[in-house]
Amino acid sequence: MTNALTRGLGLGLALAMVLPAQQSDQDEMIARRDKKLAAEFLKRAAWLTDFDAAKEQAAEDDQLIFAYLTRSFAA
């Protein structure tokens, strides 16, 4: 029982240290995404950032989807 309690406390402590760092990383990725979305070449078209909405519109307009993928933002 003591080993399980010790492991549980250790896991809790590890999570308490990691979660704030993950939020900081998430904030940084959001800032990078926003900076990329503000790029001049992206302002030349009406881009959608919601994939389901893009699929709907593509189906309505009988068009293909052109996707610009980047790895700096991942949720």
C-alpha atoms as a PDB file:
ATOM      1  CA  MET A   1       0.000   0.000   0.000  1.00  0.00           C
ATOM      2  CA  THR A   2       2.828   2.417   0.828  1.00  0.00           C
ATOM      3  CA  ASN A   3       4.550   1.790  -2.534  1.00  0.00           C
ATOM      4  CA  ALA A   4       1.298   2.522  -4.379  1.00  0.00           C
ATOM      5  CA  LEU A   5       0.831   5.725  -2.383  1.00  0.00           C
ATOM      6  CA  THR A   6       4.424   6.788  -3.022  1.00  0.00           C
ATOM      7  CA  ARG A   7       4.082   6.087  -6.759  1.00  0.00           C
ATOM      8  CA  GLY A   8       0.783   7.989  -6.856  1.00  0.00           C
ATOM      9  CA  LEU A   9       2.325  10.992  -5.128  1.00  0.00           C
ATOM     10  CA  GLY A  10       5.341  10.834  -7.448  1.00  0.00           C
ATOM     11  CA  LEU A  11       3.084  10.736 -10.498  1.00  0.00           C
ATOM     12  CA  GLY A  12       1.036  13.640  -9.162  1.00  0.00           C
ATOM     13  CA  LEU A  13       4.187  15.686  -8.572  1.00  0.00           C
ATOM     14  CA  ALA A  14       5.497  14.891 -12.050  1.00  0.00           C
ATOM     15  CA  LEU A  15       2.196  15.953 -13.634  1.00  0.00           C
ATOM     16  CA  ALA A  16       2.133  19.139 -11.573  1.00  0.00           C
ATOM     17  CA  MET A  17       5.543  20.047 -12.989  1.00  0.00           C
ATOM     18  CA  VAL A  18       4.731  19.094 -16.612  1.00  0.00           C
ATOM     19  CA  LEU A  19       1.271  20.639 -17.032  1.00  0.00           C
ATOM     20  CA  PRO A  20       2.351  24.300 -16.640  1.00  0.00           C
ATOM     21  CA  ALA A  21       5.157  23.703 -19.158  1.00  0.00           C
ATOM     22  CA  GLN A  22       2.644  22.213 -21.597  1.00  0.00           C
ATOM     23  CA  GLN A  23       0.414  25.297 -21.263  1.00  0.00           C
ATOM     24  CA  SER A  24       3.420  27.519 -21.965  1.00  0.00           C
ATOM     25  CA  ASP A  25       4.240  25.415 -25.041  1.00  0.00           C
ATOM     26  CA  GLN A  26       0.599  25.615 -26.148  1.00  0.00           C
ATOM     27  CA  ASP A  27       0.612  29.416 -25.783  1.00  0.00           C
ATOM     28  CA  GLU A  28       3.804  29.610 -27.835  1.00  0.00           C
ATOM     29  CA  MET A  29       2.306  27.411 -30.578  1.00  0.00           C
ATOM     30  CA  ILE A  30      -0.832  29.577 -30.681  1.00  0.00           C
ATOM     31  CA  ALA A  31       1.327  32.689 -31.093  1.00  0.00           C
ATOM     32  CA  ARG A  32       3.265  31.013 -33.940  1.00  0.00           C
ATOM     33  CA  ARG A  33       0.010  29.987 -35.634  1.00  0.00           C
ATOM     34  CA  ASP A  34      -1.382  33.505 -35.403  1.00  0.00           C
ATOM     35  CA  LYS A  35       1.834  34.940 -36.842  1.00  0.00           C
ATOM     36  CA  LYS A  36       1.702  32.521 -39.791  1.00  0.00           C
ATOM     37  CA  LEU A  37      -1.973  33.254 -40.427  1.00  0.00           C
ATOM     38  CA  ALA A  38      -1.076  36.956 -40.647  1.00  0.00           C
ATOM     39  CA  ALA A  39       1.363  36.298 -43.538  1.00  0.00           C
ATOM     40  CA  GLU A  40       0.729  38.400 -46.648  1.00  0.00           C
ATOM     41  CA  PHE A  41       0.285  35.430 -49.017  1.00  0.00           C
ATOM     42  CA  LEU A  42      -2.510  34.042 -46.844  1.00  0.00           C
ATOM     43  CA  LYS A  43      -4.432  37.326 -47.061  1.00  0.00           C
ATOM     44  CA  ARG A  44      -4.918  36.887 -50.824  1.00  0.00           C
ATOM     45  CA  ALA A  45      -7.643  34.266 -50.422  1.00  0.00           C
ATOM     46  CA  ALA A  46     -10.552  33.475 -48.125  1.00  0.00           C
ATOM     47  CA  TRP A  47      -9.017  30.657 -46.069  1.00  0.00           C
ATOM     48  CA  LEU A  48     -11.052  28.449 -43.769  1.00  0.00           C
ATOM     49  CA  THR A  49      -9.458  27.017 -40.641  1.00  0.00           C
ATOM     50  CA  ASP A  50     -12.320  24.599 -39.898  1.00  0.00           C
ATOM     51  CA  PHE A  51     -11.896  21.389 -41.908  1.00  0.00           C
ATOM     52  CA  ASP A  52     -15.564  20.364 -41.649  1.00  0.00           C
ATOM     53  CA  ALA A  53     -16.669  23.787 -42.911  1.00  0.00           C
ATOM     54  CA  ALA A  54     -14.143  23.542 -45.761  1.00  0.00           C
ATOM     55  CA  LYS A  55     -15.493  20.106 -46.739  1.00  0.00           C
ATOM     56  CA  GLU A  56     -19.048  21.466 -46.758  1.00  0.00           C
ATOM     57  CA  GLN A  57     -18.139  24.470 -48.868  1.00  0.00           C
ATOM     58  CA  ALA A  58     -16.055  22.366 -51.268  1.00  0.00           C
ATOM     59  CA  ALA A  59     -18.986  19.989 -51.747  1.00  0.00           C
ATOM     60  CA  GLU A  60     -21.412  22.879 -52.362  1.00  0.00           C
ATOM     61  CA  ASP A  61     -19.070  24.552 -54.867  1.00  0.00           C
ATOM     62  CA  ASP A  62     -17.909  21.250 -56.440  1.00  0.00           C
ATOM     63  CA  GLN A  63     -14.293  22.234 -55.682  1.00  0.00           C
ATOM     64  CA  LEU A  64     -11.243  20.508 -54.297  1.00  0.00           C
ATOM     65  CA  ILE A  65      -9.698  21.451 -50.956  1.00  0.00           C
ATOM     66  CA  PHE A  66      -6.263  23.064 -50.959  1.00  0.00           C
ATOM     67  CA  ALA A  67      -4.668  22.649 -47.554  1.00  0.00           C
ATOM     68  CA  TYR A  68      -1.740  24.587 -46.132  1.00  0.00           C
ATOM     69  CA  LEU A  69      -0.297  22.462 -43.329  1.00  0.00           C
ATOM     70  CA  THR A  70       2.236  23.562 -40.776  1.00  0.00           C
ATOM     71  CA  ARG A  71       3.677  21.768 -37.792  1.00  0.00           C
ATOM     72  CA  SER A  72       4.191  24.719 -35.487  1.00  0.00           C
ATOM     73  CA  PHE A  73       0.686  24.430 -34.083  1.00  0.00           C
ATOM     74  CA  ALA A  74      -0.754  21.154 -32.915  1.00  0.00           C
ATOM     75  CA  ALA A  75      -3.459  20.751 -30.329  1.00  0.00           C
END
